[in-house]
């Protein structure tokens, strides 16, 4: 992102994080944001901003956020957590409803990720907070990608409809082009 804070990069006139919050706010009872900089900006959107723990300066990305969430009392006492990245402004308006329906059909599974076009979307998770407790020791094994943690605990579910337009806007070219509409 050329050094820019991805969540604050403008897309269609407003920061990506605002698009994501607008999509999930009607679906959840509480929103927490994991941010490693610009905390004041994120606090304007929700008072619950989680500052990720540091792990020897290694670039561990989302896994550090999961470890931090595991130690957050308010998050740890929730029934389920919906975890989404800040660069997915086109999340379905019924994403939580879809995950809850799947969870009711498979009550022994504690984590789900959607599968689209044969690929598991590890960046979007519906997970019981207790599972995140295993993220803390896992962080120190050297395996940084959340896919490995989730693969050990989550069930990929192809029935979650993210929609044709689901895409992460990970690169500036995607954000600044209008082809994602």
N, C-alpha and C. Protein backbone atom coordinates (compact mmCIF):
# COMPACT_ATOMS: atom_id res chain seq x y z
N UNK A 1 0.82 -1.20 0.00
CA UNK A 1 0.00 0.00 0.00
C UNK A 1 0.86 1.26 0.00
N UNK A 2 2.12 1.10 -0.41
CA UNK A 2 3.03 2.25 -0.49
C UNK A 2 3.13 2.99 0.84
N UNK A 3 3.10 2.26 1.94
CA UNK A 3 3.24 2.85 3.26
C UNK A 3 1.96 3.42 3.86
N UNK A 4 0.89 3.42 3.08
CA UNK A 4 -0.39 3.96 3.58
C UNK A 4 -1.05 2.95 4.52
N UNK A 5 -1.83 3.45 5.45
CA UNK A 5 -2.64 2.61 6.33
C UNK A 5 -3.83 2.14 5.49
N UNK A 6 -3.85 0.87 5.15
CA UNK A 6 -4.85 0.34 4.22
C UNK A 6 -6.29 0.67 4.62
N UNK A 7 -6.61 0.57 5.88
CA UNK A 7 -7.96 0.85 6.33
C UNK A 7 -8.41 2.28 6.10
N UNK A 8 -7.46 3.19 6.01
CA UNK A 8 -7.78 4.60 5.84
C UNK A 8 -7.65 5.07 4.40
N UNK A 9 -7.24 4.17 3.50
CA UNK A 9 -7.15 4.53 2.09
C UNK A 9 -8.57 4.77 1.56
N UNK A 10 -8.74 5.85 0.82
CA UNK A 10 -10.06 6.20 0.30
C UNK A 10 -10.45 5.31 -0.87
N UNK A 11 -11.69 4.89 -0.85
CA UNK A 11 -12.30 4.13 -1.95
C UNK A 11 -13.71 4.68 -2.10
N UNK A 12 -14.01 5.17 -3.27
CA UNK A 12 -15.31 5.81 -3.51
C UNK A 12 -15.62 6.90 -2.48
N UNK A 13 -14.58 7.68 -2.18
CA UNK A 13 -14.78 8.86 -1.34
C UNK A 13 -14.73 8.68 0.16
N UNK A 14 -14.55 7.44 0.63
CA UNK A 14 -14.43 7.25 2.08
C UNK A 14 -13.47 6.11 2.36
N UNK A 15 -12.89 6.09 3.57
CA UNK A 15 -11.91 5.06 3.91
C UNK A 15 -12.49 3.64 3.81
N UNK A 16 -11.63 2.71 3.40
CA UNK A 16 -12.06 1.31 3.29
C UNK A 16 -12.71 0.81 4.58
N UNK A 17 -12.14 1.15 5.73
CA UNK A 17 -12.68 0.66 7.00
C UNK A 17 -14.12 1.10 7.18
N UNK A 18 -14.47 2.29 6.71
CA UNK A 18 -15.85 2.77 6.84
C UNK A 18 -16.82 1.95 6.00
N UNK A 19 -16.37 1.52 4.82
CA UNK A 19 -17.21 0.65 3.98
C UNK A 19 -17.46 -0.67 4.70
N UNK A 20 -16.41 -1.23 5.28
CA UNK A 20 -16.54 -2.52 5.98
C UNK A 20 -17.45 -2.38 7.20
N UNK A 21 -17.24 -1.34 7.99
CA UNK A 21 -18.08 -1.13 9.17
C UNK A 21 -19.54 -0.95 8.77
N UNK A 22 -19.78 -0.19 7.70
CA UNK A 22 -21.16 0.01 7.23
C UNK A 22 -21.81 -1.32 6.85
N UNK A 23 -21.03 -2.25 6.29
CA UNK A 23 -21.57 -3.54 5.88
C UNK A 23 -21.87 -4.46 7.05
N UNK A 24 -21.00 -4.44 8.07
CA UNK A 24 -21.19 -5.41 9.15
C UNK A 24 -21.95 -4.86 10.36
N UNK A 25 -22.01 -3.55 10.51
CA UNK A 25 -22.65 -2.96 11.70
C UNK A 25 -24.08 -3.46 11.93
N UNK A 26 -24.93 -3.56 10.89
CA UNK A 26 -26.28 -4.07 11.13
C UNK A 26 -26.32 -5.55 11.49
N UNK A 27 -25.21 -6.24 11.33
CA UNK A 27 -25.18 -7.69 11.53
C UNK A 27 -24.62 -8.11 12.88
N UNK A 28 -23.96 -7.19 13.58
CA UNK A 28 -23.27 -7.56 14.82
C UNK A 28 -23.66 -6.62 15.96
N UNK A 29 -23.42 -7.06 17.16
CA UNK A 29 -23.75 -6.25 18.32
C UNK A 29 -22.61 -5.36 18.79
N UNK A 30 -21.41 -5.66 18.34
CA UNK A 30 -20.24 -4.92 18.80
C UNK A 30 -19.17 -4.97 17.72
N UNK A 31 -18.45 -3.88 17.54
CA UNK A 31 -17.36 -3.84 16.57
C UNK A 31 -16.08 -3.47 17.29
N UNK A 32 -15.05 -4.25 17.06
CA UNK A 32 -13.71 -3.94 17.54
C UNK A 32 -12.81 -3.87 16.32
N UNK A 33 -11.88 -2.96 16.33
CA UNK A 33 -10.95 -2.79 15.22
C UNK A 33 -9.55 -3.07 15.74
N UNK A 34 -8.82 -3.89 15.02
CA UNK A 34 -7.42 -4.13 15.33
C UNK A 34 -6.60 -3.18 14.46
N UNK A 35 -5.81 -2.34 15.10
CA UNK A 35 -5.00 -1.37 14.36
C UNK A 35 -3.62 -1.28 15.00
N UNK A 36 -2.62 -1.11 14.15
CA UNK A 36 -1.27 -0.98 14.69
C UNK A 36 -0.71 0.43 14.52
N UNK A 37 -1.54 1.34 14.03
CA UNK A 37 -1.18 2.75 13.93
C UNK A 37 -2.45 3.56 13.69
N UNK A 38 -2.33 4.87 13.76
CA UNK A 38 -3.48 5.76 13.57
C UNK A 38 -4.64 5.42 14.49
N UNK A 39 -4.32 5.11 15.73
CA UNK A 39 -5.34 4.69 16.69
C UNK A 39 -6.43 5.75 16.87
N UNK A 40 -6.05 7.02 16.82
CA UNK A 40 -7.04 8.09 17.00
C UNK A 40 -8.10 8.03 15.90
N UNK A 41 -7.66 7.77 14.68
CA UNK A 41 -8.60 7.69 13.55
C UNK A 41 -9.57 6.53 13.73
N UNK A 42 -9.06 5.39 14.15
CA UNK A 42 -9.93 4.22 14.33
C UNK A 42 -10.86 4.38 15.53
N UNK A 43 -10.40 5.08 16.56
CA UNK A 43 -11.23 5.31 17.73
C UNK A 43 -12.43 6.19 17.39
N UNK A 44 -12.34 6.98 16.35
CA UNK A 44 -13.49 7.77 15.90
C UNK A 44 -14.61 6.87 15.39
N UNK A 45 -14.27 5.66 14.98
CA UNK A 45 -15.25 4.74 14.41
C UNK A 45 -15.83 3.79 15.45
N UNK A 46 -15.04 3.42 16.42
CA UNK A 46 -15.47 2.55 17.51
C UNK A 46 -14.55 2.79 18.70
N UNK A 47 -15.10 2.82 19.90
CA UNK A 47 -14.23 3.01 21.06
C UNK A 47 -13.39 1.77 21.37
N UNK A 48 -13.71 0.66 20.75
CA UNK A 48 -13.00 -0.59 21.02
C UNK A 48 -11.95 -0.83 19.93
N UNK A 49 -10.79 -0.20 20.13
CA UNK A 49 -9.67 -0.40 19.21
C UNK A 49 -8.65 -1.25 19.93
N UNK A 50 -8.27 -2.35 19.32
CA UNK A 50 -7.32 -3.29 19.89
C UNK A 50 -5.98 -3.03 19.24
N UNK A 51 -4.98 -2.77 20.06
CA UNK A 51 -3.63 -2.57 19.55
C UNK A 51 -2.90 -3.90 19.65
N UNK A 52 -2.55 -4.49 18.51
CA UNK A 52 -1.94 -5.83 18.54
C UNK A 52 -0.65 -5.89 19.34
N UNK A 53 -0.47 -7.03 19.99
CA UNK A 53 0.79 -7.27 20.70
C UNK A 53 1.91 -7.34 19.68
N UNK A 54 3.10 -7.08 20.12
CA UNK A 54 4.27 -7.17 19.24
C UNK A 54 4.94 -8.50 19.51
N UNK A 55 5.37 -9.15 18.44
CA UNK A 55 6.04 -10.45 18.59
C UNK A 55 7.40 -10.37 17.91
N UNK A 56 8.37 -9.90 18.62
CA UNK A 56 9.74 -9.82 18.15
C UNK A 56 9.88 -9.06 16.84
N UNK A 57 8.97 -8.17 16.54
CA UNK A 57 9.07 -7.36 15.33
C UNK A 57 8.80 -8.11 14.04
N UNK A 58 8.46 -9.39 14.12
CA UNK A 58 8.20 -10.16 12.89
C UNK A 58 6.89 -9.69 12.27
N UNK A 59 6.84 -9.68 10.96
CA UNK A 59 5.63 -9.27 10.26
C UNK A 59 4.60 -10.39 10.26
N UNK A 60 3.83 -10.50 11.30
CA UNK A 60 2.90 -11.61 11.43
C UNK A 60 1.45 -11.25 11.09
N UNK A 61 1.23 -10.00 10.77
CA UNK A 61 -0.07 -9.58 10.26
C UNK A 61 -1.26 -10.02 11.07
N UNK A 62 -2.24 -10.68 10.41
CA UNK A 62 -3.51 -11.02 11.05
C UNK A 62 -3.37 -11.94 12.25
N UNK A 63 -2.35 -12.76 12.29
CA UNK A 63 -2.21 -13.68 13.41
C UNK A 63 -1.96 -12.93 14.72
N UNK A 64 -1.21 -11.84 14.66
CA UNK A 64 -0.98 -11.03 15.85
C UNK A 64 -2.31 -10.45 16.34
N UNK A 65 -3.14 -10.02 15.41
CA UNK A 65 -4.46 -9.47 15.78
C UNK A 65 -5.30 -10.55 16.46
N UNK A 66 -5.25 -11.78 15.97
CA UNK A 66 -6.01 -12.87 16.58
C UNK A 66 -5.51 -13.15 17.99
N UNK A 67 -4.20 -13.12 18.19
CA UNK A 67 -3.65 -13.33 19.53
C UNK A 67 -4.08 -12.24 20.47
N UNK A 68 -4.10 -11.01 20.00
CA UNK A 68 -4.54 -9.89 20.83
C UNK A 68 -6.01 -10.05 21.19
N UNK A 69 -6.82 -10.42 20.22
CA UNK A 69 -8.25 -10.63 20.49
C UNK A 69 -8.46 -11.74 21.51
N UNK A 70 -7.60 -12.74 21.49
CA UNK A 70 -7.73 -13.85 22.44
C UNK A 70 -7.58 -13.38 23.88
N UNK A 71 -6.87 -12.28 24.07
CA UNK A 71 -6.63 -11.77 25.41
C UNK A 71 -7.52 -10.59 25.77
N UNK A 72 -8.45 -10.25 24.91
CA UNK A 72 -9.37 -9.13 25.16
C UNK A 72 -10.61 -9.69 25.84
N UNK A 73 -10.85 -9.26 27.07
CA UNK A 73 -11.94 -9.83 27.87
C UNK A 73 -13.30 -9.69 27.19
N UNK A 74 -13.58 -8.52 26.62
CA UNK A 74 -14.89 -8.32 25.99
C UNK A 74 -15.06 -9.25 24.78
N UNK A 75 -14.01 -9.44 24.01
CA UNK A 75 -14.10 -10.33 22.85
C UNK A 75 -14.13 -11.79 23.29
N UNK A 76 -13.36 -12.11 24.31
CA UNK A 76 -13.26 -13.50 24.76
C UNK A 76 -14.57 -14.04 25.32
N UNK A 77 -15.48 -13.17 25.73
CA UNK A 77 -16.74 -13.63 26.32
C UNK A 77 -17.89 -13.66 25.31
N UNK A 78 -17.62 -13.33 24.07
CA UNK A 78 -18.66 -13.37 23.04
C UNK A 78 -18.94 -14.83 22.65
N UNK A 79 -20.13 -15.09 22.11
CA UNK A 79 -20.43 -16.43 21.60
C UNK A 79 -19.63 -16.72 20.34
N UNK A 80 -19.66 -15.77 19.42
CA UNK A 80 -18.96 -15.90 18.14
C UNK A 80 -18.29 -14.58 17.80
N UNK A 81 -17.21 -14.66 17.04
CA UNK A 81 -16.56 -13.46 16.50
C UNK A 81 -16.59 -13.56 14.98
N UNK A 82 -16.94 -12.47 14.34
CA UNK A 82 -16.81 -12.36 12.90
C UNK A 82 -15.53 -11.58 12.66
N UNK A 83 -14.60 -12.17 11.96
CA UNK A 83 -13.33 -11.51 11.67
C UNK A 83 -13.27 -11.26 10.17
N UNK A 84 -13.11 -10.00 9.83
CA UNK A 84 -13.03 -9.60 8.42
C UNK A 84 -11.90 -8.59 8.27
N UNK A 85 -11.25 -8.57 7.11
CA UNK A 85 -10.20 -7.58 6.88
C UNK A 85 -10.78 -6.24 6.46
N UNK A 86 -9.99 -5.20 6.62
CA UNK A 86 -10.46 -3.85 6.32
C UNK A 86 -10.54 -3.58 4.82
N UNK A 87 -10.05 -4.48 4.00
CA UNK A 87 -10.04 -4.23 2.55
C UNK A 87 -11.08 -5.06 1.80
N UNK A 88 -12.20 -5.31 2.47
CA UNK A 88 -13.30 -6.07 1.83
C UNK A 88 -14.59 -5.26 1.91
N UNK A 89 -14.71 -4.20 1.14
CA UNK A 89 -15.88 -3.32 1.26
C UNK A 89 -17.18 -3.89 0.74
N UNK A 90 -17.15 -5.02 0.07
CA UNK A 90 -18.37 -5.57 -0.52
C UNK A 90 -18.83 -6.85 0.19
N UNK A 91 -18.65 -6.91 1.49
CA UNK A 91 -19.11 -8.08 2.23
C UNK A 91 -20.63 -8.19 2.12
N UNK A 92 -21.15 -9.42 2.11
CA UNK A 92 -22.61 -9.59 2.02
C UNK A 92 -23.34 -9.00 3.21
N UNK A 93 -24.51 -8.46 2.96
CA UNK A 93 -25.33 -7.87 4.02
C UNK A 93 -25.88 -8.94 4.97
N UNK A 94 -25.80 -10.21 4.57
CA UNK A 94 -26.30 -11.30 5.41
C UNK A 94 -25.20 -12.28 5.80
N UNK A 95 -23.96 -11.82 5.86
CA UNK A 95 -22.83 -12.70 6.14
C UNK A 95 -22.98 -13.42 7.48
N UNK A 96 -23.29 -12.69 8.54
CA UNK A 96 -23.44 -13.31 9.86
C UNK A 96 -24.59 -14.30 9.86
N UNK A 97 -25.69 -13.94 9.24
CA UNK A 97 -26.84 -14.83 9.14
C UNK A 97 -26.46 -16.16 8.47
N UNK A 98 -25.66 -16.07 7.42
CA UNK A 98 -25.20 -17.29 6.74
C UNK A 98 -24.33 -18.14 7.66
N UNK A 99 -23.39 -17.49 8.35
CA UNK A 99 -22.51 -18.22 9.25
C UNK A 99 -23.30 -18.86 10.40
N UNK A 100 -24.25 -18.15 10.98
CA UNK A 100 -25.05 -18.69 12.08
C UNK A 100 -25.83 -19.92 11.61
N UNK A 101 -26.38 -19.87 10.42
CA UNK A 101 -27.13 -21.01 9.89
C UNK A 101 -26.22 -22.23 9.75
N UNK A 102 -25.01 -22.02 9.26
CA UNK A 102 -24.05 -23.12 9.12
C UNK A 102 -23.66 -23.65 10.50
N UNK A 103 -23.43 -22.74 11.44
CA UNK A 103 -23.03 -23.15 12.79
C UNK A 103 -24.13 -23.98 13.47
N UNK A 104 -25.39 -23.65 13.22
CA UNK A 104 -26.50 -24.42 13.80
C UNK A 104 -26.56 -25.82 13.21
N UNK A 105 -26.21 -25.95 11.94
CA UNK A 105 -26.22 -27.27 11.30
C UNK A 105 -25.03 -28.13 11.69
N UNK A 106 -23.95 -27.51 12.13
CA UNK A 106 -22.74 -28.24 12.51
C UNK A 106 -22.26 -27.73 13.87
N UNK A 107 -23.00 -28.07 14.93
CA UNK A 107 -22.72 -27.49 16.25
C UNK A 107 -21.37 -27.88 16.87
N UNK A 108 -20.74 -28.92 16.38
CA UNK A 108 -19.46 -29.32 16.95
C UNK A 108 -18.28 -28.58 16.36
N UNK A 109 -18.51 -27.82 15.32
CA UNK A 109 -17.44 -27.05 14.69
C UNK A 109 -17.40 -25.65 15.31
N UNK A 110 -16.22 -25.19 15.64
CA UNK A 110 -16.06 -23.92 16.33
C UNK A 110 -15.50 -22.79 15.49
N UNK A 111 -15.26 -23.05 14.22
CA UNK A 111 -14.73 -22.00 13.35
C UNK A 111 -15.08 -22.34 11.91
N UNK A 112 -15.40 -21.31 11.17
CA UNK A 112 -15.77 -21.48 9.76
C UNK A 112 -15.10 -20.41 8.92
N UNK A 113 -14.75 -20.77 7.73
CA UNK A 113 -14.27 -19.82 6.73
C UNK A 113 -15.03 -20.11 5.44
N UNK A 114 -15.35 -19.09 4.68
CA UNK A 114 -16.05 -19.33 3.42
C UNK A 114 -15.09 -19.88 2.37
N UNK A 115 -15.66 -20.56 1.43
CA UNK A 115 -14.88 -21.08 0.32
C UNK A 115 -15.50 -20.53 -0.96
N UNK A 116 -14.70 -19.91 -1.78
CA UNK A 116 -15.19 -19.37 -3.05
C UNK A 116 -14.32 -19.89 -4.18
N UNK A 117 -14.94 -20.33 -5.23
CA UNK A 117 -14.23 -20.84 -6.40
C UNK A 117 -13.16 -21.86 -6.02
N UNK A 118 -13.47 -22.70 -5.04
CA UNK A 118 -12.54 -23.74 -4.64
C UNK A 118 -11.41 -23.27 -3.74
N UNK A 119 -11.42 -22.02 -3.31
CA UNK A 119 -10.37 -21.50 -2.45
C UNK A 119 -10.95 -21.06 -1.12
N UNK A 120 -10.32 -21.51 -0.06
CA UNK A 120 -10.76 -21.10 1.27
C UNK A 120 -10.33 -19.65 1.50
N UNK A 121 -11.25 -18.82 1.97
CA UNK A 121 -10.99 -17.41 2.23
C UNK A 121 -10.66 -17.24 3.71
N UNK A 122 -9.40 -17.45 4.05
CA UNK A 122 -8.98 -17.41 5.45
C UNK A 122 -9.09 -16.04 6.08
N UNK A 123 -9.19 -15.01 5.29
CA UNK A 123 -9.25 -13.66 5.85
C UNK A 123 -10.62 -13.35 6.46
N UNK A 124 -11.62 -14.15 6.13
CA UNK A 124 -12.96 -13.99 6.68
C UNK A 124 -13.25 -15.21 7.54
N UNK A 125 -13.50 -14.99 8.83
CA UNK A 125 -13.72 -16.11 9.74
C UNK A 125 -14.90 -15.85 10.66
N UNK A 126 -15.56 -16.91 11.02
CA UNK A 126 -16.59 -16.91 12.05
C UNK A 126 -16.09 -17.93 13.05
N UNK A 127 -15.70 -17.47 14.23
CA UNK A 127 -14.94 -18.32 15.12
C UNK A 127 -15.36 -18.11 16.57
N UNK A 128 -15.36 -19.19 17.32
CA UNK A 128 -15.61 -19.09 18.76
C UNK A 128 -14.33 -18.52 19.40
N UNK A 129 -14.48 -17.55 20.29
CA UNK A 129 -13.29 -16.91 20.87
C UNK A 129 -12.37 -17.88 21.60
N UNK A 130 -12.91 -18.97 22.13
CA UNK A 130 -12.07 -19.93 22.84
C UNK A 130 -11.00 -20.53 21.92
N UNK A 131 -11.32 -20.65 20.65
CA UNK A 131 -10.36 -21.18 19.68
C UNK A 131 -9.15 -20.25 19.56
N UNK A 132 -9.38 -18.96 19.74
CA UNK A 132 -8.29 -18.00 19.61
C UNK A 132 -7.22 -18.18 20.69
N UNK A 133 -7.60 -18.81 21.79
CA UNK A 133 -6.59 -19.06 22.83
C UNK A 133 -5.44 -19.89 22.28
N UNK A 134 -5.72 -20.77 21.33
CA UNK A 134 -4.65 -21.58 20.74
C UNK A 134 -3.78 -20.75 19.80
N UNK A 135 -4.21 -19.55 19.45
CA UNK A 135 -3.42 -18.70 18.56
C UNK A 135 -2.17 -18.18 19.25
N UNK A 136 -2.24 -17.97 20.56
CA UNK A 136 -1.10 -17.37 21.26
C UNK A 136 0.13 -18.28 21.20
N UNK A 137 0.05 -19.55 21.64
CA UNK A 137 1.24 -20.39 21.52
C UNK A 137 1.61 -20.67 20.06
N UNK A 138 0.60 -20.73 19.20
CA UNK A 138 0.84 -20.98 17.78
C UNK A 138 1.70 -19.88 17.18
N UNK A 139 1.54 -18.66 17.63
CA UNK A 139 2.30 -17.52 17.13
C UNK A 139 3.79 -17.76 17.28
N UNK A 140 4.16 -18.41 18.37
CA UNK A 140 5.57 -18.61 18.66
C UNK A 140 6.16 -19.86 18.01
N UNK A 141 5.37 -20.59 17.24
CA UNK A 141 5.91 -21.74 16.53
C UNK A 141 6.63 -21.32 15.26
N UNK A 142 6.43 -20.06 14.86
CA UNK A 142 7.06 -19.57 13.64
C UNK A 142 6.15 -19.63 12.44
N UNK A 143 5.00 -20.25 12.56
CA UNK A 143 4.03 -20.33 11.46
C UNK A 143 3.13 -19.11 11.56
N UNK A 144 3.35 -18.15 10.67
CA UNK A 144 2.69 -16.85 10.81
C UNK A 144 1.34 -16.75 10.14
N UNK A 145 1.09 -17.54 9.15
CA UNK A 145 -0.14 -17.35 8.38
C UNK A 145 -1.34 -17.92 9.14
N UNK A 146 -2.41 -17.12 9.25
CA UNK A 146 -3.59 -17.62 9.96
C UNK A 146 -4.20 -18.84 9.29
N UNK A 147 -3.91 -19.07 8.03
CA UNK A 147 -4.46 -20.23 7.33
C UNK A 147 -4.07 -21.52 8.02
N UNK A 148 -2.86 -21.59 8.53
CA UNK A 148 -2.42 -22.83 9.19
C UNK A 148 -3.18 -23.06 10.50
N UNK A 149 -3.37 -21.98 11.25
CA UNK A 149 -4.15 -22.10 12.49
C UNK A 149 -5.59 -22.46 12.18
N UNK A 150 -6.17 -21.76 11.23
CA UNK A 150 -7.56 -21.99 10.89
C UNK A 150 -7.74 -23.39 10.29
N UNK A 151 -6.80 -23.83 9.48
CA UNK A 151 -6.90 -25.16 8.88
C UNK A 151 -6.95 -26.24 9.95
N UNK A 152 -6.30 -25.98 11.06
CA UNK A 152 -6.31 -26.96 12.15
C UNK A 152 -7.61 -26.94 12.94
N UNK A 153 -8.37 -25.85 12.85
CA UNK A 153 -9.56 -25.73 13.68
C UNK A 153 -10.84 -25.45 12.91
N UNK A 154 -10.74 -24.81 11.77
CA UNK A 154 -11.94 -24.34 11.07
C UNK A 154 -12.37 -25.29 9.97
N UNK A 155 -13.63 -25.23 9.69
CA UNK A 155 -14.19 -26.02 8.61
C UNK A 155 -14.48 -25.08 7.44
N UNK A 156 -13.89 -25.36 6.27
CA UNK A 156 -14.24 -24.55 5.11
C UNK A 156 -15.67 -24.87 4.71
N UNK A 157 -16.41 -23.88 4.36
CA UNK A 157 -17.80 -24.13 4.02
C UNK A 157 -18.15 -23.39 2.75
N UNK A 158 -18.43 -24.14 1.70
CA UNK A 158 -18.70 -23.54 0.40
C UNK A 158 -20.10 -22.95 0.32
N UNK A 159 -20.93 -23.19 1.33
CA UNK A 159 -22.29 -22.65 1.30
C UNK A 159 -22.39 -21.19 1.68
N UNK A 160 -21.30 -20.59 2.16
CA UNK A 160 -21.31 -19.17 2.49
C UNK A 160 -21.16 -18.40 1.19
N UNK A 161 -22.14 -17.57 0.89
CA UNK A 161 -22.12 -16.82 -0.36
C UNK A 161 -21.51 -15.44 -0.12
N UNK A 162 -20.30 -15.25 -0.61
CA UNK A 162 -19.67 -13.95 -0.49
C UNK A 162 -20.05 -13.06 -1.66
N UNK A 163 -20.58 -13.65 -2.69
CA UNK A 163 -21.02 -12.86 -3.84
C UNK A 163 -19.95 -12.79 -4.91
N UNK A 164 -20.41 -12.49 -6.11
CA UNK A 164 -19.50 -12.40 -7.25
C UNK A 164 -18.44 -11.33 -7.04
N UNK A 165 -18.78 -10.30 -6.34
CA UNK A 165 -17.89 -9.16 -6.24
C UNK A 165 -16.97 -9.21 -5.02
N UNK A 166 -16.97 -10.32 -4.27
CA UNK A 166 -16.07 -10.41 -3.13
C UNK A 166 -14.64 -10.40 -3.63
N UNK A 167 -13.89 -9.53 -3.07
CA UNK A 167 -12.49 -9.41 -3.43
C UNK A 167 -11.82 -8.57 -2.36
N UNK A 168 -10.61 -8.94 -2.04
CA UNK A 168 -9.83 -8.09 -1.15
C UNK A 168 -9.10 -7.08 -2.00
N UNK A 169 -9.12 -5.84 -1.56
CA UNK A 169 -8.43 -4.77 -2.28
C UNK A 169 -7.04 -4.60 -1.67
N UNK A 170 -6.17 -5.56 -1.93
CA UNK A 170 -4.86 -5.56 -1.28
C UNK A 170 -3.84 -4.68 -1.97
N UNK A 171 -4.10 -4.27 -3.17
CA UNK A 171 -3.10 -3.51 -3.92
C UNK A 171 -3.68 -2.17 -4.35
N UNK A 172 -2.85 -1.13 -4.35
CA UNK A 172 -3.34 0.20 -4.72
C UNK A 172 -4.04 0.25 -6.07
N UNK A 173 -3.56 -0.51 -7.04
CA UNK A 173 -4.20 -0.49 -8.36
C UNK A 173 -5.65 -0.91 -8.28
N UNK A 174 -5.96 -1.90 -7.46
CA UNK A 174 -7.35 -2.34 -7.31
C UNK A 174 -8.21 -1.29 -6.64
N UNK A 175 -7.65 -0.65 -5.66
CA UNK A 175 -8.41 0.36 -4.92
C UNK A 175 -8.71 1.56 -5.82
N UNK A 176 -7.72 1.97 -6.58
CA UNK A 176 -7.88 3.19 -7.35
C UNK A 176 -8.55 2.98 -8.69
N UNK A 177 -8.75 1.71 -9.06
CA UNK A 177 -9.50 1.47 -10.30
C UNK A 177 -10.98 1.35 -9.95
N UNK A 178 -11.81 1.58 -10.89
CA UNK A 178 -13.25 1.48 -10.63
C UNK A 178 -13.81 0.15 -11.11
N UNK A 179 -12.96 -0.81 -11.37
CA UNK A 179 -13.41 -2.10 -11.89
C UNK A 179 -14.02 -2.99 -10.82
N UNK A 180 -13.99 -2.57 -9.58
CA UNK A 180 -14.48 -3.38 -8.47
C UNK A 180 -15.93 -3.08 -8.14
N UNK A 181 -16.56 -2.17 -8.83
CA UNK A 181 -17.94 -1.77 -8.52
C UNK A 181 -18.93 -2.88 -8.65
